[in-house]
Amino acid sequence: MKKMVSLALAALMALSLVACGGSDSSAAAGSSTASQSAATSSEGGSYSTSLEDIKAKGQLVIGLDDTFAPMGFRDESGELVGFDIDLATAVCEELGVEAVFQPINWSAKEMELSTGKVDCLWNGLSITPERQETMSMTNAYLNNKIIVMTNEGVTLSSKEDLANYNLGVQAESSALEVVMADEVYDAIKDKITEYDTYDQVIMDMQAGRIDAMIVDEVLGQYKNTQLGGIFGVASFDFGDDLYAIGFRKSDIELTEAVNDAIAACIESGKAAEISEKWFGADIVIR
């Protein structure tokens, strides 16, 4: 009988050890899951990054389209240069972190941001109602316009005249978004060809395959100056285009920190210096 009691007690002790082991394992798994959850926001599982996180890793990873001159593009040696490159570098110096530029597929920029591949989108990103719904956006720092540039011999006096010509625009660009929202779009949509980049648009302009392009004024004027002013500019435009930096919707603290850093660059005169370098004038919004 004593032997049977001893065996029973031994079995109970073994079961207790297994149960304890199972509890420790579950706790560890729960802790790991909680830690992973802390790195994401509650909105669709998208990443969330605080200013503390950025300072801890010492970098702000900036998503950009590296073909958008003069905001962010590659020079003849392949180096990333441009107005936004210089301004972002100055802002990151204010924040005490390194600016890391990550070229991305601009057509998939929202996914690149929401999945945490980049910390922000900073490359001539226009403020739109849709983006304000899905992103945390800084104050506007630059005012651009959507203009129409024409080949020689093409005369445009109104938006309605566009229906008589072949037009080019970059796919997924702010220019295309603005035109699609305009009441004239239905009348001209069949005349519009979408391209992967504005460099391709300009090549077809030069080859005479299209008659005009709808483009951001900053880019269009910069490119036209490089080409010796071969394109004309229509007397009308599609309105203002305000640029801002886009962060994940939950990254409000980080957004405000960048707002403060831009304000500091404006106050010090650094922003004006950068603007003069690229545009020949101070066009930064105060």
Protein backbone atom coordinates (compact mmCIF):
# COMPACT_ATOMS: atom_id res chain seq x y z
CA MET A 1 0.00 0.00 0.00
CA LYS A 2 2.81 2.40 0.95
CA LYS A 3 4.52 1.58 -2.31
CA MET A 4 1.32 2.36 -4.25
CA VAL A 5 0.94 5.74 -2.49
CA SER A 6 4.55 6.60 -3.31
CA LEU A 7 4.01 5.76 -6.97
CA ALA A 8 0.88 7.90 -7.04
CA LEU A 9 2.70 10.85 -5.46
CA ALA A 10 5.53 10.50 -8.00
CA ALA A 11 3.03 10.54 -10.86
CA LEU A 12 1.35 13.66 -9.47
CA MET A 13 4.71 15.43 -9.16
CA ALA A 14 5.56 14.54 -12.77
CA LEU A 15 2.24 15.95 -13.96
CA SER A 16 2.84 19.14 -11.98
CA LEU A 17 6.23 19.62 -13.61
CA VAL A 18 4.75 19.14 -17.09
CA ALA A 19 1.96 21.60 -16.30
CA CYS A 20 4.46 24.18 -15.00
CA GLY A 21 6.59 23.71 -18.09
CA GLY A 22 3.54 24.24 -20.28
CA SER A 23 2.65 27.43 -18.40
CA ASP A 24 6.16 28.88 -18.81
CA SER A 25 6.09 28.12 -22.55
CA SER A 26 2.69 29.77 -22.98
CA ALA A 27 3.85 32.84 -21.05
CA ALA A 28 6.91 33.15 -23.25
CA ALA A 29 4.80 32.84 -26.39
CA GLY A 30 2.36 35.41 -25.03
CA SER A 31 5.20 37.79 -24.22
CA SER A 32 6.60 37.38 -27.74
CA THR A 33 3.19 38.02 -29.29
CA ALA A 34 2.67 41.10 -27.13
CA SER A 35 6.09 42.41 -28.13
CA GLN A 36 5.29 41.93 -31.80
CA SER A 37 1.92 43.61 -31.35
CA ALA A 38 3.61 46.63 -29.77
CA ALA A 39 5.48 47.17 -33.02
CA THR A 40 2.23 47.45 -34.94
CA SER A 41 -0.76 49.71 -34.68
CA SER A 42 -4.33 48.53 -34.23
CA GLU A 43 -5.27 49.86 -37.67
CA GLY A 44 -5.13 46.86 -39.99
CA GLY A 45 -1.90 45.60 -38.45
CA SER A 46 0.17 48.41 -39.98
CA TYR A 47 3.46 49.44 -38.44
CA SER A 48 3.71 52.29 -35.95
CA THR A 49 6.92 54.20 -35.30
CA SER A 50 7.53 56.74 -32.55
CA LEU A 51 10.12 59.49 -32.43
CA GLU A 52 11.82 57.44 -29.72
CA ASP A 53 12.05 54.48 -32.10
CA ILE A 54 13.66 56.62 -34.80
CA LYS A 55 16.19 58.09 -32.39
CA ALA A 56 16.96 54.64 -30.98
CA LYS A 57 17.88 53.24 -34.39
CA GLY A 58 19.52 56.55 -35.37
CA GLN A 59 17.92 56.64 -38.84
CA LEU A 60 14.86 57.91 -40.66
CA VAL A 61 14.24 55.70 -43.70
CA ILE A 62 12.76 57.88 -46.43
CA GLY A 63 10.86 56.36 -49.35
CA LEU A 64 11.21 58.20 -52.65
CA ASP A 65 10.93 58.04 -56.42
CA ASP A 66 14.53 58.52 -57.53
CA THR A 67 13.54 59.84 -60.98
CA PHE A 68 11.66 62.95 -59.82
CA ALA A 69 14.02 65.83 -60.55
CA PRO A 70 14.60 68.26 -59.02
CA MET A 71 13.02 66.88 -55.83
CA GLY A 72 14.91 63.59 -55.63
CA PHE A 73 16.85 62.00 -58.49
CA ARG A 74 20.23 60.62 -59.52
CA ASP A 75 22.93 62.77 -61.07
CA GLU A 76 25.34 61.62 -63.78
CA SER A 77 27.44 59.75 -61.23
CA GLY A 78 24.41 57.94 -59.82
CA GLU A 79 24.31 59.93 -56.58
CA LEU A 80 20.94 60.88 -55.11
CA VAL A 81 20.50 64.65 -55.25
CA GLY A 82 17.65 67.15 -55.22
CA PHE A 83 15.71 69.68 -53.19
CA ASP A 84 13.96 67.08 -51.02
CA ILE A 85 17.23 65.20 -50.52
CA ASP A 86 18.90 68.34 -49.18
CA LEU A 87 15.92 69.41 -47.07
CA ALA A 88 15.43 65.92 -45.59
CA THR A 89 19.14 65.75 -44.73
CA ALA A 90 18.90 69.12 -42.94
CA VAL A 91 15.75 68.07 -41.09
CA CYS A 92 17.34 64.82 -39.95
CA GLU A 93 20.32 66.78 -38.64
CA GLU A 94 17.83 68.76 -36.54
CA LEU A 95 16.35 65.49 -35.27
CA GLY A 96 19.80 64.07 -34.53
CA VAL A 97 19.44 61.07 -36.85
CA GLU A 98 20.76 59.96 -40.25
CA ALA A 99 18.63 60.39 -43.37
CA VAL A 100 18.53 57.05 -45.22
CA PHE A 101 17.01 57.30 -48.71
CA GLN A 102 15.22 54.22 -50.00
CA PRO A 103 14.07 54.29 -53.66
CA ILE A 104 10.72 52.52 -53.97
CA ASN A 105 8.10 51.69 -56.56
CA TRP A 106 6.15 54.93 -56.34
CA SER A 107 3.02 53.21 -57.62
CA ALA A 108 3.10 51.03 -54.48
CA LYS A 109 4.19 53.76 -52.06
CA GLU A 110 1.26 53.30 -49.67
CA MET A 111 2.08 49.60 -49.26
CA GLU A 112 5.80 50.34 -48.78
CA LEU A 113 4.83 52.71 -45.96
CA SER A 114 2.15 50.61 -44.28
CA THR A 115 4.31 47.47 -44.21
CA GLY A 116 7.17 49.28 -42.50
CA LYS A 117 9.69 49.15 -45.36
CA VAL A 118 10.10 52.91 -45.04
CA ASP A 119 9.36 55.38 -42.23
CA CYS A 120 7.90 58.08 -44.45
CA LEU A 121 7.24 59.19 -48.03
CA TRP A 122 9.18 62.32 -48.92
CA ASN A 123 9.54 63.19 -52.57
CA GLY A 124 7.12 65.77 -53.89
CA LEU A 125 4.19 64.03 -52.18
CA SER A 126 1.02 66.03 -52.80
CA ILE A 127 -1.60 66.61 -50.12
CA THR A 128 -4.91 65.06 -51.21
CA PRO A 129 -8.08 64.33 -49.22
CA GLU A 130 -7.50 60.59 -49.74
CA ARG A 131 -3.96 60.74 -48.35
CA GLN A 132 -5.08 62.84 -45.40
CA GLU A 133 -7.51 60.03 -44.59
CA THR A 134 -4.88 57.27 -44.72
CA MET A 135 -1.67 59.06 -43.67
CA SER A 136 -0.39 61.45 -41.05
CA MET A 137 0.90 64.35 -43.15
CA THR A 138 3.13 67.25 -42.18
CA ASN A 139 2.30 70.87 -42.84
CA ALA A 140 2.75 71.86 -46.49
CA TYR A 141 6.33 72.97 -47.13
CA LEU A 142 6.16 73.72 -50.87
CA ASN A 143 3.43 74.95 -53.23
CA ASN A 144 3.58 73.51 -56.70
CA LYS A 145 1.17 73.83 -59.61
CA ILE A 146 0.01 71.35 -62.20
CA ILE A 147 0.80 72.94 -65.56
CA VAL A 148 0.61 72.01 -69.23
CA MET A 149 3.82 72.18 -71.28
CA THR A 150 3.57 72.16 -75.05
CA ASN A 151 5.60 71.38 -78.13
CA GLU A 152 6.34 74.10 -80.65
CA GLY A 153 3.30 74.92 -82.76
CA VAL A 154 0.79 73.76 -80.15
CA THR A 155 -1.51 76.55 -78.98
CA LEU A 156 -3.74 76.08 -75.94
CA SER A 157 -5.99 78.78 -74.58
CA SER A 158 -8.20 76.66 -72.31
CA LYS A 159 -8.44 73.20 -70.76
CA GLU A 160 -11.02 72.27 -73.37
CA ASP A 161 -8.38 72.70 -76.12
CA LEU A 162 -6.52 69.69 -74.70
CA ALA A 163 -9.06 67.40 -76.35
CA ASN A 164 -7.47 68.27 -79.73
CA TYR A 165 -4.00 66.99 -78.84
CA ASN A 166 -2.15 63.88 -77.68
CA LEU A 167 -1.17 64.24 -74.04
CA GLY A 168 1.34 62.56 -71.72
CA VAL A 169 1.47 62.20 -67.94
CA GLN A 170 3.21 59.95 -65.42
CA ALA A 171 1.09 57.12 -64.04
CA GLU A 172 0.16 57.43 -60.34
CA SER A 173 1.45 61.03 -60.31
CA SER A 174 -0.17 63.94 -58.51
CA ALA A 175 -0.67 65.58 -61.92
CA LEU A 176 -2.79 62.66 -63.08
CA GLU A 177 -4.79 62.66 -59.86
CA VAL A 178 -5.55 66.37 -60.21
CA VAL A 179 -6.56 66.03 -63.87
CA MET A 180 -8.80 63.03 -63.12
CA ALA A 181 -10.60 65.12 -60.50
CA ASP A 182 -11.15 68.00 -62.94
CA GLU A 183 -14.43 68.38 -64.81
CA VAL A 184 -12.57 68.41 -68.15
CA TYR A 185 -11.24 64.87 -67.65
CA ASP A 186 -14.07 63.05 -69.41
CA ALA A 187 -13.45 65.11 -72.53
CA ILE A 188 -9.69 64.47 -72.64
CA LYS A 189 -9.16 61.05 -71.04
CA ASP A 190 -8.94 59.26 -74.39
CA LYS A 191 -6.11 61.59 -75.43
CA ILE A 192 -3.98 60.84 -72.37
CA THR A 193 -1.12 58.31 -72.40
CA GLU A 194 0.32 57.26 -69.03
CA TYR A 195 4.06 56.60 -68.67
CA ASP A 196 6.19 55.04 -65.94
CA THR A 197 8.35 58.18 -65.61
CA TYR A 198 8.36 61.78 -66.78
CA ASP A 199 11.66 61.16 -68.54
CA GLN A 200 9.72 58.87 -70.88
CA VAL A 201 7.04 61.54 -71.33
CA ILE A 202 9.67 64.10 -72.29
CA MET A 203 11.32 61.70 -74.74
CA ASP A 204 8.00 61.24 -76.54
CA MET A 205 7.46 65.01 -76.47
CA GLN A 206 10.82 65.50 -78.17
CA ALA A 207 10.04 62.75 -80.69
CA GLY A 208 6.71 64.40 -81.53
CA ARG A 209 4.63 61.40 -80.46
CA ILE A 210 2.69 63.57 -78.01
CA ASP A 211 1.87 67.27 -78.23
CA ALA A 212 1.75 68.29 -74.59
CA MET A 213 2.39 66.99 -71.10
CA ILE A 214 0.59 67.64 -67.84
CA VAL A 215 3.22 67.93 -65.16
CA ASP A 216 4.24 69.40 -61.81
CA GLU A 217 5.57 72.90 -62.41
CA VAL A 218 8.70 72.25 -60.36
CA LEU A 219 9.68 69.24 -62.45
CA GLY A 220 8.54 70.64 -65.78
CA GLN A 221 10.35 73.94 -65.45
CA TYR A 222 13.51 72.28 -64.17
CA LYS A 223 13.60 69.83 -67.09
CA ASN A 224 12.72 72.55 -69.61
CA THR A 225 15.57 74.74 -68.38
CA GLN A 226 17.98 71.84 -68.84
CA LEU A 227 16.74 71.40 -72.43
CA GLY A 228 17.17 75.08 -73.26
CA GLY A 229 13.52 76.07 -72.92
CA ILE A 230 12.22 74.10 -75.89
CA PHE A 231 8.69 73.65 -74.48
CA GLY A 232 6.02 76.28 -74.06
CA VAL A 233 3.74 76.68 -71.05
CA ALA A 234 -0.02 77.05 -71.35
CA SER A 235 -1.58 80.17 -69.82
CA PHE A 236 -3.90 78.08 -67.65
CA ASP A 237 -3.12 75.45 -65.02
CA PHE A 238 -4.88 72.82 -62.94
CA GLY A 239 -4.37 74.61 -59.63
CA ASP A 240 -2.02 74.50 -56.67
CA ASP A 241 -0.29 71.34 -55.54
CA LEU A 242 0.87 71.43 -51.93
CA TYR A 243 3.75 69.14 -50.95
CA ALA A 244 4.05 67.45 -47.56
CA ILE A 245 5.75 64.43 -45.99
CA GLY A 246 3.57 61.37 -45.40
CA PHE A 247 3.83 59.11 -42.33
CA ARG A 248 1.75 56.20 -41.11
CA LYS A 249 -1.58 57.31 -39.69
CA SER A 250 -0.57 56.48 -36.11
CA ASP A 251 2.82 58.25 -36.30
CA ILE A 252 1.53 61.63 -35.11
CA GLU A 253 4.39 62.34 -32.70
CA LEU A 254 6.96 61.71 -35.44
CA THR A 255 5.02 63.92 -37.86
CA GLU A 256 5.02 66.81 -35.39
CA ALA A 257 8.74 66.38 -34.72
CA VAL A 258 9.44 66.74 -38.45
CA ASN A 259 7.16 69.81 -38.58
CA ASP A 260 9.26 71.36 -35.81
CA ALA A 261 12.51 70.45 -37.55
CA ILE A 262 11.37 72.03 -40.83
CA ALA A 263 10.36 75.17 -38.93
CA ALA A 264 13.84 75.27 -37.40
CA CYS A 265 15.41 74.99 -40.88
CA ILE A 266 13.23 77.87 -42.08
CA GLU A 267 14.15 79.98 -39.05
CA SER A 268 17.87 79.38 -39.52
CA GLY A 269 17.74 80.23 -43.24
CA LYS A 270 18.83 76.73 -44.25
CA ALA A 271 15.57 75.98 -46.09
CA ALA A 272 15.84 79.22 -48.10
CA GLU A 273 19.45 78.37 -48.99
CA ILE A 274 18.39 74.95 -50.31
CA SER A 275 15.49 76.45 -52.27
CA GLU A 276 17.74 79.06 -53.92
CA LYS A 277 20.12 76.30 -54.94
CA TRP A 278 17.45 74.29 -56.80
CA PHE A 279 14.87 76.86 -57.92
CA GLY A 280 16.73 80.15 -57.95
CA ALA A 281 14.25 81.56 -55.42
CA ASP A 282 12.94 80.89 -51.93
CA ILE A 283 9.61 79.12 -52.51
CA VAL A 284 9.35 77.31 -49.18
CA ILE A 285 6.01 77.82 -47.43
CA ARG A 286 6.17 79.52 -44.04
